[in-house]
Structure formats: structure tokens, C-alpha cells
Amino acid sequence: MNLIEYLLGVQDEKVFEKIESTIQKSIKETKPSDIVFTKQDLLSRAEFANKQIKKGHVITQKELEKQSKNW
């Protein structure tokens, strides 16, 4: 079972809040210099992005800015 499937199955709100809190703490502690992508990582991400664009799974800059206010 992958993480997303697991999270979708979480029914206990307290468990979900604890998971979310742990993730948020980790994000705050991560510095840009801690994030390293290999050449293959970058190529895979670009290929995925191109597939999403071809499928029409895109949003406008305005929509992105609206969504980012909730981050």
C-alpha cells in the first residue's frame, strides 16, 4: 500500500492531525540546500509534467495564486 492510499483510509482525525503536524514540521525544517535531485529525477519530473499538460491537467497562474493562499 502506498502512502496516499494509506492517508485516504485514515478515519481517526487525531491520527490524521498527528501525521499532518509531523509533515508540516518536516517541511519547515527542510532547507533548499537539503533538496537534491538527480539528473534522472529532473528528467522524470519533466516527462510527467509534459504528460499532464497533454492531458489538459493544467491551471492558470491566477488559479495557482488563489490556491497558494491556502498553503
Protein backbone atom coordinates (compact mmCIF):
# COMPACT_ATOMS: atom_id res chain seq x y z
CA MET A 1 0.00 0.00 0.00
CA ASN A 2 1.41 3.38 -0.86
CA LEU A 3 1.28 6.44 1.36
CA ILE A 4 -1.54 8.16 -0.49
CA GLU A 5 -3.77 5.10 -0.25
CA TYR A 6 -2.98 4.86 3.45
CA LEU A 7 -3.80 8.51 4.08
CA LEU A 8 -7.08 8.18 2.19
CA GLY A 9 -8.02 5.35 4.54
CA VAL A 10 -7.24 7.19 7.79
CA GLN A 11 -10.51 7.55 9.70
CA ASP A 12 -9.23 8.80 13.06
CA GLU A 13 -8.99 12.59 12.98
CA LYS A 14 -6.36 12.65 15.75
CA VAL A 15 -4.11 10.28 13.79
CA PHE A 16 -4.52 12.37 10.67
CA GLU A 17 -3.72 15.59 12.59
CA LYS A 18 -0.58 14.00 14.03
CA ILE A 19 0.56 12.89 10.56
CA GLU A 20 -0.15 16.34 9.16
CA SER A 21 1.70 18.04 12.02
CA THR A 22 4.74 15.83 11.50
CA ILE A 23 4.78 16.60 7.78
CA GLN A 24 4.44 20.35 8.38
CA LYS A 25 7.28 20.29 10.93
CA SER A 26 9.49 18.43 8.47
CA ILE A 27 8.70 20.93 5.72
CA LYS A 28 9.58 23.89 7.96
CA GLU A 29 12.90 22.30 8.92
CA THR A 30 13.92 21.49 5.35
CA LYS A 31 16.30 23.98 3.77
CA PRO A 32 16.60 24.39 -0.01
CA SER A 33 20.16 23.07 0.20
CA ASP A 34 18.76 19.80 1.66
CA ILE A 35 16.81 19.09 -1.53
CA VAL A 36 18.89 17.32 -4.13
CA PHE A 37 17.58 15.99 -7.44
CA THR A 38 19.50 13.67 -9.72
CA LYS A 39 19.51 14.22 -13.46
CA GLN A 40 17.11 11.27 -13.77
CA ASP A 41 14.79 12.79 -11.13
CA LEU A 42 14.60 16.02 -13.10
CA LEU A 43 14.00 14.22 -16.39
CA SER A 44 11.25 12.09 -14.83
CA ARG A 45 9.57 15.15 -13.37
CA ALA A 46 9.72 16.94 -16.73
CA GLU A 47 8.27 13.93 -18.55
CA PHE A 48 5.45 13.68 -16.01
CA ALA A 49 4.73 17.40 -16.37
CA ASN A 50 4.60 17.10 -20.16
CA LYS A 51 2.12 14.21 -19.91
CA GLN A 52 -0.08 16.24 -17.55
CA ILE A 53 -0.03 19.18 -19.98
CA LYS A 54 -1.00 16.92 -22.90
CA LYS A 55 -3.92 15.56 -20.84
CA GLY A 56 -5.07 19.10 -20.16
CA HIS A 57 -4.36 18.88 -16.44
CA VAL A 58 -3.28 22.49 -16.12
CA ILE A 59 -4.37 25.59 -14.22
CA THR A 60 -3.90 29.27 -14.87
CA GLN A 61 -1.44 31.45 -12.97
CA LYS A 62 -4.41 33.19 -11.34
CA GLU A 63 -5.84 29.84 -10.16
CA LEU A 64 -2.42 28.84 -8.80
CA GLU A 65 -2.12 32.08 -6.87
CA LYS A 66 -5.60 31.57 -5.42
CA GLN A 67 -4.74 28.00 -4.36
CA SER A 68 -1.40 29.02 -2.87
CA LYS A 69 -3.12 31.34 -0.40
CA ASN A 70 -4.32 28.19 1.40
CA TRP A 71 -0.85 26.64 1.72
